[in-house]
């Protein structure tokens, strides 16, 4: 079964997000769950100390942390998020992420107005 179809099948049954993506030592792992013209949903697993340097995106993005702890900097303001918290990264706002502890997040990017 193709990977995309398998992911959709699993999502329709209900899944534990933490079991859907694994950590990899010294790395950032990503898994796209949904990729549509109107938006995407992607899971990420960051090993401790890993991160993404400052960048911008042309769309609003919502980050939901479902394991661990992260520092998320949006427009030069630092936010420390942990299990169960979420934050909006507005379109075109410079942002960066760093794993304070290993952490997993779901990124929901909305591409429509």
C-alpha atoms as a PDB file:
ATOM      1  CA  UNK A   1       0.000   0.000   0.000  1.00  0.00           C
ATOM      2  CA  UNK A   2       1.462   3.413  -0.903  1.00  0.00           C
ATOM      3  CA  UNK A   3       2.648   5.427   2.115  1.00  0.00           C
ATOM      4  CA  UNK A   4       0.160   8.297   1.590  1.00  0.00           C
ATOM      5  CA  UNK A   5      -2.815   5.923   1.480  1.00  0.00           C
ATOM      6  CA  UNK A   6      -1.552   4.069   4.561  1.00  0.00           C
ATOM      7  CA  UNK A   7      -1.272   7.351   6.499  1.00  0.00           C
ATOM      8  CA  UNK A   8      -4.828   8.397   5.561  1.00  0.00           C
ATOM      9  CA  UNK A   9      -6.138   4.950   6.543  1.00  0.00           C
ATOM     10  CA  UNK A  10      -4.432   5.189   9.960  1.00  0.00           C
ATOM     11  CA  UNK A  11      -5.738   8.726  10.545  1.00  0.00           C
ATOM     12  CA  UNK A  12      -9.324   7.657   9.882  1.00  0.00           C
ATOM     13  CA  UNK A  13      -9.044   5.058  12.686  1.00  0.00           C
ATOM     14  CA  UNK A  14      -7.732   7.482  15.297  1.00  0.00           C
ATOM     15  CA  UNK A  15      -4.064   7.533  16.254  1.00  0.00           C
ATOM     16  CA  UNK A  16      -1.783   8.489  19.116  1.00  0.00           C
ATOM     17  CA  UNK A  17       0.356  11.243  17.597  1.00  0.00           C
ATOM     18  CA  UNK A  18       3.374  10.283  19.715  1.00  0.00           C
ATOM     19  CA  UNK A  19       3.447   6.845  18.108  1.00  0.00           C
ATOM     20  CA  UNK A  20       3.140   8.188  14.577  1.00  0.00           C
ATOM     21  CA  UNK A  21       6.687   9.597  14.422  1.00  0.00           C
ATOM     22  CA  UNK A  22       9.928   8.555  16.168  1.00  0.00           C
ATOM     23  CA  UNK A  23      12.982  10.447  17.337  1.00  0.00           C
ATOM     24  CA  UNK A  24      16.298   9.926  15.592  1.00  0.00           C
ATOM     25  CA  UNK A  25      19.508  10.758  17.433  1.00  0.00           C
ATOM     26  CA  UNK A  26      21.043  14.062  16.309  1.00  0.00           C
ATOM     27  CA  UNK A  27      18.311  14.694  13.755  1.00  0.00           C
ATOM     28  CA  UNK A  28      14.998  16.245  12.867  1.00  0.00           C
ATOM     29  CA  UNK A  29      12.435  13.800  11.497  1.00  0.00           C
ATOM     30  CA  UNK A  30       9.333  14.918   9.599  1.00  0.00           C
ATOM     31  CA  UNK A  31       6.254  13.105   8.333  1.00  0.00           C
ATOM     32  CA  UNK A  32       3.619  14.809   6.184  1.00  0.00           C
ATOM     33  CA  UNK A  33       0.126  13.634   7.052  1.00  0.00           C
ATOM     34  CA  UNK A  34      -1.904  15.854   4.727  1.00  0.00           C
ATOM     35  CA  UNK A  35      -0.698  17.895   1.754  1.00  0.00           C
ATOM     36  CA  UNK A  36      -3.438  19.850  -0.002  1.00  0.00           C
ATOM     37  CA  UNK A  37      -3.463  23.074  -2.005  1.00  0.00           C
ATOM     38  CA  UNK A  38      -5.207  24.766   0.957  1.00  0.00           C
ATOM     39  CA  UNK A  39      -2.778  23.573   3.614  1.00  0.00           C
ATOM     40  CA  UNK A  40      -0.566  20.919   5.127  1.00  0.00           C
ATOM     41  CA  UNK A  41      -0.289  18.970   8.360  1.00  0.00           C
ATOM     42  CA  UNK A  42       3.184  17.719   9.194  1.00  0.00           C
ATOM     43  CA  UNK A  43       4.615  16.000  12.272  1.00  0.00           C
ATOM     44  CA  UNK A  44       8.170  16.721  13.421  1.00  0.00           C
ATOM     45  CA  UNK A  45      10.432  15.029  15.987  1.00  0.00           C
ATOM     46  CA  UNK A  46      13.452  17.098  17.089  1.00  0.00           C
ATOM     47  CA  UNK A  47      16.307  15.534  19.033  1.00  0.00           C
ATOM     48  CA  UNK A  48      17.661  17.647  21.898  1.00  0.00           C
ATOM     49  CA  UNK A  49      19.569  20.701  20.648  1.00  0.00           C
ATOM     50  CA  UNK A  50      18.233  20.388  17.095  1.00  0.00           C
ATOM     51  CA  UNK A  51      16.340  23.259  15.522  1.00  0.00           C
ATOM     52  CA  UNK A  52      15.445  25.344  12.526  1.00  0.00           C
ATOM     53  CA  UNK A  53      17.196  28.654  11.924  1.00  0.00           C
ATOM     54  CA  UNK A  54      15.205  31.828  11.467  1.00  0.00           C
ATOM     55  CA  UNK A  55      13.075  31.869   8.348  1.00  0.00           C
ATOM     56  CA  UNK A  56       9.686  33.102   7.134  1.00  0.00           C
ATOM     57  CA  UNK A  57       6.715  31.432   5.497  1.00  0.00           C
ATOM     58  CA  UNK A  58       4.044  33.125   3.393  1.00  0.00           C
ATOM     59  CA  UNK A  59       1.238  31.413   5.343  1.00  0.00           C
ATOM     60  CA  UNK A  60      -0.072  31.237   8.910  1.00  0.00           C
ATOM     61  CA  UNK A  61       1.140  28.155  10.754  1.00  0.00           C
ATOM     62  CA  UNK A  62      -0.067  26.642  14.016  1.00  0.00           C
ATOM     63  CA  UNK A  63       2.388  24.603  16.093  1.00  0.00           C
ATOM     64  CA  UNK A  64       1.066  22.075  18.632  1.00  0.00           C
ATOM     65  CA  UNK A  65       3.672  20.451  20.916  1.00  0.00           C
ATOM     66  CA  UNK A  66       2.698  16.896  21.810  1.00  0.00           C
ATOM     67  CA  UNK A  67       5.909  15.759  23.529  1.00  0.00           C
ATOM     68  CA  UNK A  68       8.876  17.454  25.189  1.00  0.00           C
ATOM     69  CA  UNK A  69       9.797  21.134  25.250  1.00  0.00           C
ATOM     70  CA  UNK A  70      10.830  23.701  22.649  1.00  0.00           C
ATOM     71  CA  UNK A  71      11.854  27.311  22.311  1.00  0.00           C
ATOM     72  CA  UNK A  72       9.993  29.007  19.484  1.00  0.00           C
ATOM     73  CA  UNK A  73      11.079  32.516  18.570  1.00  0.00           C
ATOM     74  CA  UNK A  74       8.605  34.613  16.597  1.00  0.00           C
ATOM     75  CA  UNK A  75       9.574  38.138  15.525  1.00  0.00           C
ATOM     76  CA  UNK A  76      12.449  38.114  18.045  1.00  0.00           C
ATOM     77  CA  UNK A  77      10.162  37.132  20.970  1.00  0.00           C
ATOM     78  CA  UNK A  78      11.023  33.835  22.679  1.00  0.00           C
ATOM     79  CA  UNK A  79       8.260  31.418  23.701  1.00  0.00           C
ATOM     80  CA  UNK A  80       8.879  28.224  25.670  1.00  0.00           C
ATOM     81  CA  UNK A  81       6.307  25.573  24.839  1.00  0.00           C
ATOM     82  CA  UNK A  82       5.777  22.094  26.259  1.00  0.00           C
ATOM     83  CA  UNK A  83       3.368  19.174  26.011  1.00  0.00           C
ATOM     84  CA  UNK A  84      -0.158  20.289  25.212  1.00  0.00           C
ATOM     85  CA  UNK A  85       0.657  23.878  24.230  1.00  0.00           C
ATOM     86  CA  UNK A  86       0.295  25.538  20.849  1.00  0.00           C
ATOM     87  CA  UNK A  87       1.256  28.807  19.220  1.00  0.00           C
ATOM     88  CA  UNK A  88       0.442  30.636  15.999  1.00  0.00           C
ATOM     89  CA  UNK A  89       3.297  31.714  13.749  1.00  0.00           C
ATOM     90  CA  UNK A  90       1.757  34.470  11.598  1.00  0.00           C
ATOM     91  CA  UNK A  91       2.435  34.636   7.870  1.00  0.00           C
ATOM     92  CA  UNK A  92       5.671  36.442   6.988  1.00  0.00           C
ATOM     93  CA  UNK A  93       6.800  36.699  10.636  1.00  0.00           C
ATOM     94  CA  UNK A  94      10.409  35.547  11.077  1.00  0.00           C
ATOM     95  CA  UNK A  95      10.538  32.483  13.309  1.00  0.00           C
ATOM     96  CA  UNK A  96      12.959  29.821  14.554  1.00  0.00           C
ATOM     97  CA  UNK A  97      12.697  26.667  16.667  1.00  0.00           C
ATOM     98  CA  UNK A  98      15.053  24.845  19.009  1.00  0.00           C
ATOM     99  CA  UNK A  99      14.630  21.685  21.064  1.00  0.00           C
ATOM    100  CA  UNK A 100      15.244  22.440  24.752  1.00  0.00           C
ATOM    101  CA  UNK A 101      14.488  18.766  25.318  1.00  0.00           C
ATOM    102  CA  UNK A 102      13.526  16.255  22.666  1.00  0.00           C
ATOM    103  CA  UNK A 103      10.167  17.395  21.359  1.00  0.00           C
ATOM    104  CA  UNK A 104       7.506  16.450  18.872  1.00  0.00           C
ATOM    105  CA  UNK A 105       5.173  18.892  17.210  1.00  0.00           C
ATOM    106  CA  UNK A 106       2.376  19.039  14.696  1.00  0.00           C
ATOM    107  CA  UNK A 107       2.590  21.909  12.205  1.00  0.00           C
ATOM    108  CA  UNK A 108      -0.663  22.967  10.573  1.00  0.00           C
ATOM    109  CA  UNK A 109      -0.068  25.390   7.708  1.00  0.00           C
ATOM    110  CA  UNK A 110      -3.078  27.202   6.278  1.00  0.00           C
ATOM    111  CA  UNK A 111      -2.512  28.263   2.679  1.00  0.00           C
ATOM    112  CA  UNK A 112      -5.883  29.887   1.985  1.00  0.00           C
ATOM    113  CA  UNK A 113      -7.187  33.272   3.074  1.00  0.00           C
END
